[in-house]
Protein backbone atom coordinates (compact mmCIF):
# COMPACT_ATOMS: atom_id res chain seq x y z
CA UNK A 1 0.00 0.00 0.00
CA UNK A 2 2.84 2.40 0.87
CA UNK A 3 4.44 1.86 -2.53
CA UNK A 4 1.12 2.57 -4.26
CA UNK A 5 0.68 5.81 -2.30
CA UNK A 6 4.24 6.87 -3.11
CA UNK A 7 3.62 6.20 -6.82
CA UNK A 8 0.45 8.29 -6.73
CA UNK A 9 2.22 11.17 -4.98
CA UNK A 10 5.10 11.01 -7.46
CA UNK A 11 2.71 11.21 -10.42
CA UNK A 12 0.82 14.27 -9.10
CA UNK A 13 2.06 17.69 -10.20
CA UNK A 14 2.71 19.96 -7.18
CA UNK A 15 0.49 23.04 -6.76
CA UNK A 16 2.08 26.32 -5.74
CA UNK A 17 0.88 27.67 -2.40
CA UNK A 18 -0.16 30.97 -4.05
CA UNK A 19 -3.00 29.04 -5.65
CA UNK A 20 -4.46 27.53 -2.49
CA UNK A 21 -6.83 30.44 -1.64
CA UNK A 22 -8.18 30.61 -5.21
CA UNK A 23 -8.70 26.86 -5.40
CA UNK A 24 -10.47 26.80 -2.02
CA UNK A 25 -12.78 29.69 -2.97
CA UNK A 26 -13.71 28.14 -6.31
CA UNK A 27 -14.32 24.74 -4.72
CA UNK A 28 -16.64 26.32 -2.16
CA UNK A 29 -18.48 28.28 -4.86
CA UNK A 30 -18.89 25.08 -6.89
CA UNK A 31 -20.57 23.36 -3.95
CA UNK A 32 -22.74 26.38 -3.21
CA UNK A 33 -23.84 26.81 -6.83
CA UNK A 34 -24.50 23.08 -7.07
CA UNK A 35 -26.74 23.37 -4.04
CA UNK A 36 -28.70 26.10 -5.82
CA UNK A 37 -28.88 24.23 -9.14
CA UNK A 38 -27.15 20.93 -9.89
CA UNK A 39 -25.69 21.72 -13.35
CA UNK A 40 -23.84 24.76 -11.94
CA UNK A 41 -21.74 22.42 -9.80
CA UNK A 42 -20.18 20.88 -12.90
CA UNK A 43 -19.45 24.29 -14.36
CA UNK A 44 -17.79 25.33 -11.14
CA UNK A 45 -15.86 22.06 -11.05
CA UNK A 46 -14.40 22.78 -14.50
CA UNK A 47 -13.30 26.26 -13.42
CA UNK A 48 -11.78 24.85 -10.22
CA UNK A 49 -9.89 22.23 -12.22
CA UNK A 50 -8.52 24.95 -14.51
CA UNK A 51 -7.38 26.96 -11.47
CA UNK A 52 -5.54 23.89 -10.12
CA UNK A 53 -3.93 23.46 -13.53
CA UNK A 54 -2.95 27.14 -13.68
CA UNK A 55 -1.12 27.06 -10.34
CA UNK A 56 0.79 23.86 -11.07
CA UNK A 57 4.46 23.97 -10.15
CA UNK A 58 6.18 20.98 -11.77
CA UNK A 59 9.84 20.17 -11.05
CA UNK A 60 12.28 21.13 -13.78
CA UNK A 61 15.75 19.89 -14.73
CA UNK A 62 17.94 22.97 -15.25
CA UNK A 63 21.18 22.88 -17.30
CA UNK A 64 24.17 23.66 -15.08
CA UNK A 65 26.40 25.20 -17.77
CA UNK A 66 27.11 28.75 -16.46
CA UNK A 67 27.45 30.08 -20.02
CA UNK A 68 23.74 29.47 -20.68
CA UNK A 69 20.76 31.78 -20.13
CA UNK A 70 17.68 29.74 -19.23
CA UNK A 71 14.07 30.73 -19.84
CA UNK A 72 12.42 32.32 -16.78
CA UNK A 73 8.93 31.38 -17.95
CA UNK A 74 6.84 28.84 -19.81
CA UNK A 75 5.38 30.23 -23.00
CA UNK A 76 6.17 31.47 -26.49
CA UNK A 77 9.20 33.56 -27.41
CA UNK A 78 7.57 36.76 -28.63
CA UNK A 79 10.54 39.11 -29.16
CA UNK A 80 14.29 38.79 -29.70
CA UNK A 81 16.35 41.92 -30.32
CA UNK A 82 17.89 45.09 -28.88
CA UNK A 83 15.88 47.26 -26.48
CA UNK A 84 16.55 49.86 -23.78
CA UNK A 85 15.89 48.45 -20.28
CA UNK A 86 13.22 50.15 -18.12
CA UNK A 87 14.69 53.24 -16.42
CA UNK A 88 13.90 52.04 -12.89
CA UNK A 89 16.44 49.24 -13.32
CA UNK A 90 19.21 51.88 -13.59
CA UNK A 91 21.05 50.03 -16.35
CA UNK A 92 21.64 53.08 -18.53
CA UNK A 93 20.25 54.23 -21.90
CA UNK A 94 22.17 51.81 -24.11
CA UNK A 95 20.13 49.05 -25.78
CA UNK A 96 20.68 45.47 -24.63
CA UNK A 97 19.68 42.14 -26.09
CA UNK A 98 16.11 41.51 -24.91
CA UNK A 99 14.35 38.16 -25.12
CA UNK A 100 10.65 38.13 -24.25
CA UNK A 101 8.54 35.10 -23.33
CA UNK A 102 4.76 35.49 -23.44
CA UNK A 103 2.64 33.36 -21.09
CA UNK A 104 -1.01 32.65 -21.85
CA UNK A 105 -3.55 31.55 -19.23
CA UNK A 106 -2.75 27.87 -19.85
CA UNK A 107 1.00 28.13 -19.21
CA UNK A 108 2.64 27.41 -15.87
CA UNK A 109 3.14 30.86 -14.32
CA UNK A 110 5.93 30.16 -11.82
CA UNK A 111 8.97 32.27 -12.79
CA UNK A 112 12.57 31.06 -12.47
CA UNK A 113 15.97 32.77 -12.47
CA UNK A 114 17.55 32.87 -15.97
CA UNK A 115 21.10 32.86 -14.54
CA UNK A 116 22.80 32.46 -11.19
CA UNK A 117 23.61 35.71 -9.45
CA UNK A 118 23.07 38.07 -6.55
CA UNK A 119 20.05 40.38 -6.68
CA UNK A 120 21.41 43.91 -6.82
CA UNK A 121 18.05 45.65 -7.23
CA UNK A 122 14.32 44.92 -7.26
CA UNK A 123 12.20 47.66 -8.80
CA UNK A 124 8.39 47.64 -8.97
CA UNK A 125 6.52 50.10 -11.19
CA UNK A 126 2.72 50.40 -11.39
CA UNK A 127 1.19 50.84 -14.81
CA UNK A 128 -1.41 49.75 -17.33
CA UNK A 129 -2.64 46.28 -18.29
CA UNK A 130 -2.20 46.25 -22.06
CA UNK A 131 -1.86 43.06 -24.07
CA UNK A 132 1.52 41.69 -22.91
CA UNK A 133 2.40 40.63 -26.46
CA UNK A 134 2.60 44.27 -27.55
CA UNK A 135 6.05 45.86 -27.57
CA UNK A 136 4.77 48.91 -25.68
CA UNK A 137 3.77 46.67 -22.76
CA UNK A 138 7.44 46.78 -21.68
CA UNK A 139 7.12 50.54 -21.24
CA UNK A 140 3.56 51.12 -20.03
CA UNK A 141 2.42 47.98 -18.18
CA UNK A 142 2.73 47.26 -14.49
CA UNK A 143 6.02 45.45 -13.94
CA UNK A 144 8.58 44.21 -11.46
CA UNK A 145 12.27 43.96 -12.36
CA UNK A 146 15.17 42.07 -10.80
CA UNK A 147 18.76 43.09 -11.58
CA UNK A 148 21.22 40.21 -11.11
CA UNK A 149 25.01 40.42 -10.87
CA UNK A 150 26.13 37.27 -12.67
CA UNK A 151 29.46 35.84 -13.75
CA UNK A 152 28.98 37.31 -17.22
CA UNK A 153 27.76 40.75 -16.21
CA UNK A 154 24.48 42.34 -15.23
CA UNK A 155 21.32 40.46 -16.24
CA UNK A 156 17.82 41.81 -15.68
CA UNK A 157 14.56 39.87 -15.69
CA UNK A 158 11.28 41.81 -15.72
CA UNK A 159 7.85 40.46 -14.81
CA UNK A 160 5.21 42.29 -16.87
CA UNK A 161 1.49 42.17 -16.12
CA UNK A 162 -0.80 41.40 -19.04
CA UNK A 163 -4.32 42.07 -20.22
CA UNK A 164 -5.95 39.92 -17.53
CA UNK A 165 -3.01 39.80 -15.10
CA UNK A 166 -3.66 41.81 -11.96
CA UNK A 167 -1.05 40.58 -9.54
CA UNK A 168 2.73 40.26 -9.77
CA UNK A 169 4.26 38.18 -6.99
CA UNK A 170 7.99 38.23 -6.17
CA UNK A 171 9.34 35.81 -3.55
CA UNK A 172 12.92 37.15 -3.55
CA UNK A 173 14.63 40.05 -1.79
CA UNK A 174 17.52 42.36 -2.64
CA UNK A 175 21.00 40.94 -1.86
CA UNK A 176 19.62 37.39 -2.10
CA UNK A 177 21.68 34.86 -4.06
CA UNK A 178 19.67 33.07 -6.76
CA UNK A 179 20.67 29.88 -8.51
CA UNK A 180 19.76 29.42 -12.17
CA UNK A 181 16.32 27.82 -12.39
CA UNK A 182 15.37 28.85 -8.85
CA UNK A 183 11.79 30.08 -8.38
CA UNK A 184 11.60 33.81 -7.71
CA UNK A 185 7.97 34.75 -8.44
CA UNK A 186 4.80 34.33 -10.48
CA UNK A 187 2.17 36.42 -12.22
CA UNK A 188 -1.62 35.96 -12.18
CA UNK A 189 -3.10 35.39 -14.93
CA UNK A 190 -1.35 35.68 -18.31
CA UNK A 191 1.66 37.92 -18.78
CA UNK A 192 5.23 38.24 -20.06
CA UNK A 193 8.84 37.98 -18.91
CA UNK A 194 11.61 40.12 -20.44
CA UNK A 195 15.27 39.17 -20.04
CA UNK A 196 17.89 41.89 -20.69
CA UNK A 197 21.39 40.56 -21.34
CA UNK A 198 24.84 42.21 -21.36
CA UNK A 199 27.23 42.37 -24.29
CA UNK A 200 28.58 38.98 -25.28
CA UNK A 201 25.27 37.13 -25.09
CA UNK A 202 24.02 35.52 -28.29
CA UNK A 203 20.39 34.42 -28.69
CA UNK A 204 19.79 30.81 -29.69
CA UNK A 205 15.98 30.96 -29.86
CA UNK A 206 13.65 32.42 -32.47
CA UNK A 207 10.34 34.25 -32.25
CA UNK A 208 7.53 31.72 -32.05
CA UNK A 209 9.57 29.04 -30.29
CA UNK A 210 8.02 27.43 -27.21
CA UNK A 211 10.07 27.82 -24.02
CA UNK A 212 9.95 25.89 -20.76
CA UNK A 213 10.90 27.71 -17.56
CA UNK A 214 14.06 26.41 -15.97
CA UNK A 215 14.93 24.18 -18.94
CA UNK A 216 14.94 25.93 -22.34
CA UNK A 217 18.15 27.77 -23.25
CA UNK A 218 17.47 31.30 -24.54
CA UNK A 219 21.02 32.55 -25.09
CA UNK A 220 24.67 31.72 -24.61
CA UNK A 221 27.66 33.74 -23.44
CA UNK A 222 30.65 33.26 -25.69
CA UNK A 223 33.61 34.71 -23.82
CA UNK A 224 34.99 34.53 -20.30
CA UNK A 225 33.78 36.35 -17.22
CA UNK A 226 32.71 39.93 -17.89
CA UNK A 227 33.94 41.17 -14.51
CA UNK A 228 36.32 39.15 -12.32
CA UNK A 229 35.01 41.03 -9.26
CA UNK A 230 31.57 39.49 -9.72
CA UNK A 231 31.50 36.01 -8.27
CA UNK A 232 28.86 33.36 -7.81
CA UNK A 233 28.89 31.91 -4.31
């Protein structure tokens, strides 16, 4: 019996704790609506099942090669090219390579660190809730940015709220050391992640490609360490 229970637990996808209140509320509403009228229970059950699916947090196998930049989100690569980082990140006016990953409401929304590094700065900026696939969403939408000091220079990852997203969650704090693939936040419900990379990074994904958080390689650094004073502990 114990082996059967262990097999069942191993086959179930973990649910992130951020989803527990939503799942509980929807389950209660399903029962209440079913009490009012039976068919409404099944409708509520479908919505509850979707909410459980949305907040899934499956384990991921992250490449350990320090020259790789790993996707911070599940979704579709929507932009690859130069762009000026948001001013609140204090990275200067020069364009950097930006790779954007768009998450729809069916993607896993747990965000993971694209590289290993120490968090130099976390900057939140309120804003609008435009379609996250639009280029201007990087400028006008509500967002939260993390600036990481990595072995290859400064890397920024920005959580951007989308058309139906109304809550950006960040688990990390400034001065915290993140390992590549480590969970640092999530966004509810549908959004985008932008990664800004220093000189020397070369993209190895194309627009339209599907990315998996913590596993898919977005870019690669070609040379040695950008700054010998920056170390990964």
